[in-house]
Amino acid sequence: MPDTPASFDELYAAHFGDLTVQLYAYFGDRQEAQDIAQEAFCRALARWRTVSGYDDPVAWIRRVAWNLAVSRWRRTRTALGFLRKQRATEAQVAGPGPERVALVAALGTLPAAQRRAMVLRHLADMTIAEIADREGVAEGTVKSWLHRARTTLAARLDPTETETQEARHA
């Protein structure tokens, strides 16, 4: 082997920088160039018994690096082409309103069983019997959970409702 370093480590130390510079000139991205050069040397190391027997192992590594570079460039070009075909802007969706934020916060304060019952009843449209069967409790228990949850939510979401209820009980 003419003028070839004796070990992989020596070959790597002698040629990694040069290969990276060449790839950097091609890509214009130093990190991408380093990644590809590293990948090419990793592939050479995995096949070092074979590659070290070549007349010019550096030429093999350079060819692998350039093949990787071209593949990445093609993938990037394809991805950019795809992105250009997409809508320029995504439709803007309004965020949750203050009422929804308040409801979610109030639901979060309920005990787990009451919260599940409210969600299953009002968001999943399950009947009281279906909820009772799912939770493994009596229908009366589900009705109790729903009543307590509604009372708590009413108090948290409408403070004037609490005053009205207190006046009724007074």
C-alpha atoms as a PDB file:
ATOM      1  CA  MET A   1       0.000   0.000   0.000  1.00  0.00           C
ATOM      2  CA  PRO A   2       1.814   3.106  -1.179  1.00  0.00           C
ATOM      3  CA  ASP A   3       1.872   6.035   1.221  1.00  0.00           C
ATOM      4  CA  THR A   4      -1.065   4.662   3.244  1.00  0.00           C
ATOM      5  CA  PRO A   5      -1.150   4.963   7.037  1.00  0.00           C
ATOM      6  CA  ALA A   6      -0.780   1.641   8.810  1.00  0.00           C
ATOM      7  CA  SER A   7      -3.941   1.831  10.921  1.00  0.00           C
ATOM      8  CA  PHE A   8      -7.470   3.124  10.764  1.00  0.00           C
ATOM      9  CA  ASP A   9      -6.723   5.677  13.486  1.00  0.00           C
ATOM     10  CA  GLU A  10      -3.845   7.101  11.488  1.00  0.00           C
ATOM     11  CA  LEU A  11      -5.923   7.209   8.306  1.00  0.00           C
ATOM     12  CA  TYR A  12      -8.740   8.947  10.147  1.00  0.00           C
ATOM     13  CA  ALA A  13      -6.423  11.534  11.712  1.00  0.00           C
ATOM     14  CA  ALA A  14      -4.738  12.245   8.394  1.00  0.00           C
ATOM     15  CA  HIS A  15      -7.827  12.542   6.178  1.00  0.00           C
ATOM     16  CA  PHE A  16     -10.939  13.436   8.204  1.00  0.00           C
ATOM     17  CA  GLY A  17     -10.256  17.183   8.079  1.00  0.00           C
ATOM     18  CA  ASP A  18      -9.615  17.245   4.320  1.00  0.00           C
ATOM     19  CA  LEU A  19     -12.737  15.243   3.555  1.00  0.00           C
ATOM     20  CA  THR A  20     -14.805  17.492   5.811  1.00  0.00           C
ATOM     21  CA  VAL A  21     -13.521  20.596   3.997  1.00  0.00           C
ATOM     22  CA  GLN A  22     -14.460  19.087   0.622  1.00  0.00           C
ATOM     23  CA  LEU A  23     -17.956  18.214   1.831  1.00  0.00           C
ATOM     24  CA  TYR A  24     -18.342  21.630   3.454  1.00  0.00           C
ATOM     25  CA  ALA A  25     -17.609  23.253   0.093  1.00  0.00           C
ATOM     26  CA  TYR A  26     -20.329  21.070  -1.438  1.00  0.00           C
ATOM     27  CA  PHE A  27     -22.989  21.553   1.263  1.00  0.00           C
ATOM     28  CA  GLY A  28     -22.174  24.919   2.721  1.00  0.00           C
ATOM     29  CA  ASP A  29     -23.066  23.412   6.084  1.00  0.00           C
ATOM     30  CA  ARG A  30     -20.168  22.501   8.352  1.00  0.00           C
ATOM     31  CA  GLN A  31     -22.197  20.253  10.669  1.00  0.00           C
ATOM     32  CA  GLU A  32     -23.664  18.320   7.746  1.00  0.00           C
ATOM     33  CA  ALA A  33     -20.175  17.916   6.251  1.00  0.00           C
ATOM     34  CA  GLN A  34     -18.797  16.598   9.542  1.00  0.00           C
ATOM     35  CA  ASP A  35     -21.727  14.196   9.937  1.00  0.00           C
ATOM     36  CA  ILE A  36     -21.238  12.742   6.469  1.00  0.00           C
ATOM     37  CA  ALA A  37     -17.467  12.428   6.834  1.00  0.00           C
ATOM     38  CA  GLN A  38     -17.993  10.709  10.175  1.00  0.00           C
ATOM     39  CA  GLU A  39     -20.531   8.323   8.647  1.00  0.00           C
ATOM     40  CA  ALA A  40     -18.136   7.437   5.814  1.00  0.00           C
ATOM     41  CA  PHE A  41     -15.324   6.682   8.262  1.00  0.00           C
ATOM     42  CA  CYS A  42     -17.700   4.617  10.421  1.00  0.00           C
ATOM     43  CA  ARG A  43     -18.614   2.527   7.396  1.00  0.00           C
ATOM     44  CA  ALA A  44     -14.926   2.069   6.610  1.00  0.00           C
ATOM     45  CA  LEU A  45     -14.208   0.980  10.180  1.00  0.00           C
ATOM     46  CA  ALA A  46     -17.024  -1.586  10.025  1.00  0.00           C
ATOM     47  CA  ARG A  47     -15.360  -3.084   6.913  1.00  0.00           C
ATOM     48  CA  TRP A  48     -11.766  -2.262   7.835  1.00  0.00           C
ATOM     49  CA  ARG A  49     -10.395  -5.744   7.059  1.00  0.00           C
ATOM     50  CA  THR A  50     -11.568  -5.382   3.468  1.00  0.00           C
ATOM     51  CA  VAL A  51     -11.055  -1.623   3.043  1.00  0.00           C
ATOM     52  CA  SER A  52      -7.514  -1.691   4.440  1.00  0.00           C
ATOM     53  CA  GLY A  53      -6.571  -4.122   1.661  1.00  0.00           C
ATOM     54  CA  TYR A  54      -7.574  -1.702  -1.120  1.00  0.00           C
ATOM     55  CA  ASP A  55      -4.880   0.120  -3.071  1.00  0.00           C
ATOM     56  CA  ASP A  56      -6.299   3.431  -1.850  1.00  0.00           C
ATOM     57  CA  PRO A  57      -8.611   3.132   1.202  1.00  0.00           C
ATOM     58  CA  VAL A  58      -9.000   6.922   1.297  1.00  0.00           C
ATOM     59  CA  ALA A  59     -10.498   6.865  -2.209  1.00  0.00           C
ATOM     60  CA  TRP A  60     -13.070   4.317  -1.030  1.00  0.00           C
ATOM     61  CA  ILE A  61     -13.963   6.451   1.996  1.00  0.00           C
ATOM     62  CA  ARG A  62     -14.185   9.576  -0.180  1.00  0.00           C
ATOM     63  CA  ARG A  63     -16.499   7.773  -2.637  1.00  0.00           C
ATOM     64  CA  VAL A  64     -18.754   6.620   0.223  1.00  0.00           C
ATOM     65  CA  ALA A  65     -18.834  10.160   1.620  1.00  0.00           C
ATOM     66  CA  TRP A  66     -19.754  11.664  -1.735  1.00  0.00           C
ATOM     67  CA  ASN A  67     -22.465   9.042  -2.264  1.00  0.00           C
ATOM     68  CA  LEU A  68     -23.886   9.894   1.160  1.00  0.00           C
ATOM     69  CA  ALA A  69     -23.691  13.607   0.354  1.00  0.00           C
ATOM     70  CA  VAL A  70     -25.540  13.205  -2.941  1.00  0.00           C
ATOM     71  CA  SER A  71     -28.210  11.054  -1.266  1.00  0.00           C
ATOM     72  CA  ARG A  72     -28.781  13.639   1.442  1.00  0.00           C
ATOM     73  CA  TRP A  73     -28.887  16.431  -1.112  1.00  0.00           C
ATOM     74  CA  ARG A  74     -31.517  14.527  -3.124  1.00  0.00           C
ATOM     75  CA  ARG A  75     -33.597  13.840  -0.007  1.00  0.00           C
ATOM     76  CA  THR A  76     -33.404  17.501   0.941  1.00  0.00           C
ATOM     77  CA  ARG A  77     -34.369  18.591  -2.575  1.00  0.00           C
ATOM     78  CA  THR A  78     -37.333  16.183  -2.565  1.00  0.00           C
ATOM     79  CA  ALA A  79     -38.472  17.423   0.861  1.00  0.00           C
ATOM     80  CA  LEU A  80     -38.216  21.061  -0.231  1.00  0.00           C
ATOM     81  CA  GLY A  81     -40.204  20.276  -3.378  1.00  0.00           C
ATOM     82  CA  PHE A  82     -42.889  18.680  -1.255  1.00  0.00           C
ATOM     83  CA  LEU A  83     -42.983  21.671   1.081  1.00  0.00           C
ATOM     84  CA  ARG A  84     -43.326  24.099  -1.842  1.00  0.00           C
ATOM     85  CA  LYS A  85     -46.436  22.220  -2.977  1.00  0.00           C
ATOM     86  CA  GLN A  86     -48.072  22.593   0.431  1.00  0.00           C
ATOM     87  CA  ARG A  87     -50.353  25.458   1.360  1.00  0.00           C
ATOM     88  CA  ALA A  88     -48.367  28.553   2.140  1.00  0.00           C
ATOM     89  CA  THR A  89     -50.083  29.115   5.452  1.00  0.00           C
ATOM     90  CA  GLU A  90     -52.018  26.893   7.727  1.00  0.00           C
ATOM     91  CA  ALA A  91     -55.505  27.956   8.636  1.00  0.00           C
ATOM     92  CA  GLN A  92     -55.447  29.745  11.951  1.00  0.00           C
ATOM     93  CA  VAL A  93     -57.573  28.155  14.613  1.00  0.00           C
ATOM     94  CA  ALA A  94     -58.595  30.286  17.527  1.00  0.00           C
ATOM     95  CA  GLY A  95     -57.367  29.092  20.886  1.00  0.00           C
ATOM     96  CA  PRO A  96     -59.744  28.129  23.638  1.00  0.00           C
ATOM     97  CA  GLY A  97     -61.877  30.943  24.934  1.00  0.00           C
ATOM     98  CA  PRO A  98     -61.885  32.056  28.552  1.00  0.00           C
ATOM     99  CA  GLU A  99     -65.018  30.011  29.275  1.00  0.00           C
ATOM    100  CA  ARG A 100     -63.377  26.803  28.108  1.00  0.00           C
ATOM    101  CA  VAL A 101     -60.203  27.531  30.064  1.00  0.00           C
ATOM    102  CA  ALA A 102     -62.278  28.181  33.185  1.00  0.00           C
ATOM    103  CA  LEU A 103     -64.292  24.976  32.644  1.00  0.00           C
ATOM    104  CA  VAL A 104     -61.189  22.821  32.228  1.00  0.00           C
ATOM    105  CA  ALA A 105     -59.627  24.395  35.323  1.00  0.00           C
ATOM    106  CA  ALA A 106     -62.822  23.828  37.323  1.00  0.00           C
ATOM    107  CA  LEU A 107     -63.082  20.214  36.127  1.00  0.00           C
ATOM    108  CA  GLY A 108     -59.522  19.704  37.314  1.00  0.00           C
ATOM    109  CA  THR A 109     -60.557  20.534  40.877  1.00  0.00           C
ATOM    110  CA  LEU A 110     -63.232  17.817  41.024  1.00  0.00           C
ATOM    111  CA  PRO A 111     -62.534  14.424  42.583  1.00  0.00           C
ATOM    112  CA  ALA A 112     -61.572  11.884  39.912  1.00  0.00           C
ATOM    113  CA  ALA A 113     -64.854   9.925  40.031  1.00  0.00           C
ATOM    114  CA  GLN A 114     -66.978  13.065  39.667  1.00  0.00           C
ATOM    115  CA  ARG A 115     -64.773  14.374  36.856  1.00  0.00           C
ATOM    116  CA  ARG A 116     -65.009  11.043  34.987  1.00  0.00           C
ATOM    117  CA  ALA A 117     -68.772  10.953  35.419  1.00  0.00           C
ATOM    118  CA  MET A 118     -69.135  14.512  34.049  1.00  0.00           C
ATOM    119  CA  VAL A 119     -66.899  13.828  31.071  1.00  0.00           C
ATOM    120  CA  LEU A 120     -68.571  10.516  30.237  1.00  0.00           C
ATOM    121  CA  ARG A 121     -72.050  11.980  30.594  1.00  0.00           C
ATOM    122  CA  HIS A 122     -71.617  15.303  28.839  1.00  0.00           C
ATOM    123  CA  LEU A 123     -68.755  14.750  26.419  1.00  0.00           C
ATOM    124  CA  ALA A 124     -69.049  11.047  25.628  1.00  0.00           C
ATOM    125  CA  ASP A 125     -72.888  11.173  25.743  1.00  0.00           C
ATOM    126  CA  MET A 126     -73.091   8.028  27.838  1.00  0.00           C
ATOM    127  CA  THR A 127     -76.234   7.272  29.795  1.00  0.00           C
ATOM    128  CA  ILE A 128     -76.204   7.013  33.575  1.00  0.00           C
ATOM    129  CA  ALA A 129     -76.643   3.243  33.247  1.00  0.00           C
ATOM    130  CA  GLU A 130     -73.648   2.997  30.879  1.00  0.00           C
ATOM    131  CA  ILE A 131     -71.486   5.042  33.246  1.00  0.00           C
ATOM    132  CA  ALA A 132     -72.549   2.928  36.224  1.00  0.00           C
ATOM    133  CA  ASP A 133     -71.713  -0.252  34.312  1.00  0.00           C
ATOM    134  CA  ARG A 134     -68.332   1.115  33.190  1.00  0.00           C
ATOM    135  CA  GLU A 135     -67.386   2.329  36.672  1.00  0.00           C
ATOM    136  CA  GLY A 136     -68.806  -0.755  38.429  1.00  0.00           C
ATOM    137  CA  VAL A 137     -71.115   1.231  40.740  1.00  0.00           C
ATOM    138  CA  ALA A 138     -74.844   1.681  41.225  1.00  0.00           C
ATOM    139  CA  GLU A 139     -76.768   4.183  39.085  1.00  0.00           C
ATOM    140  CA  GLY A 140     -77.601   6.144  42.223  1.00  0.00           C
ATOM    141  CA  THR A 141     -73.882   6.621  42.865  1.00  0.00           C
ATOM    142  CA  VAL A 142     -73.399   8.042  39.364  1.00  0.00           C
ATOM    143  CA  LYS A 143     -76.355  10.387  39.885  1.00  0.00           C
ATOM    144  CA  SER A 144     -74.810  11.516  43.167  1.00  0.00           C
ATOM    145  CA  TRP A 145     -71.423  12.137  41.510  1.00  0.00           C
ATOM    146  CA  LEU A 146     -73.064  14.131  38.735  1.00  0.00           C
ATOM    147  CA  HIS A 147     -75.121  16.212  41.184  1.00  0.00           C
ATOM    148  CA  ARG A 148     -72.106  17.007  43.357  1.00  0.00           C
ATOM    149  CA  ALA A 149     -69.967  17.796  40.335  1.00  0.00           C
ATOM    150  CA  ARG A 150     -72.582  20.144  38.858  1.00  0.00           C
ATOM    151  CA  THR A 151     -72.956  21.921  42.200  1.00  0.00           C
ATOM    152  CA  THR A 152     -69.207  22.362  42.559  1.00  0.00           C
ATOM    153  CA  LEU A 153     -68.799  23.512  38.961  1.00  0.00           C
ATOM    154  CA  ALA A 154     -71.660  25.980  39.287  1.00  0.00           C
ATOM    155  CA  ALA A 155     -70.039  27.490  42.362  1.00  0.00           C
ATOM    156  CA  ARG A 156     -66.628  27.735  40.702  1.00  0.00           C
ATOM    157  CA  LEU A 157     -67.846  29.029  37.363  1.00  0.00           C
ATOM    158  CA  ASP A 158     -70.545  31.417  38.573  1.00  0.00           C
ATOM    159  CA  PRO A 159     -69.913  32.895  42.027  1.00  0.00           C
ATOM    160  CA  THR A 160     -73.345  34.580  41.979  1.00  0.00           C
ATOM    161  CA  GLU A 161     -74.918  31.105  41.811  1.00  0.00           C
ATOM    162  CA  THR A 162     -73.310  30.261  45.159  1.00  0.00           C
ATOM    163  CA  GLU A 163     -74.847  33.360  46.724  1.00  0.00           C
ATOM    164  CA  THR A 164     -78.244  32.441  45.280  1.00  0.00           C
ATOM    165  CA  GLN A 165     -78.042  28.909  46.680  1.00  0.00           C
ATOM    166  CA  GLU A 166     -76.961  30.192  50.101  1.00  0.00           C
ATOM    167  CA  ALA A 167     -79.913  32.609  50.143  1.00  0.00           C
ATOM    168  CA  ARG A 168     -82.292  29.733  49.314  1.00  0.00           C
ATOM    169  CA  HIS A 169     -80.953  27.608  52.152  1.00  0.00           C
ATOM    170  CA  ALA A 170     -81.003  30.459  54.658  1.00  0.00           C
END
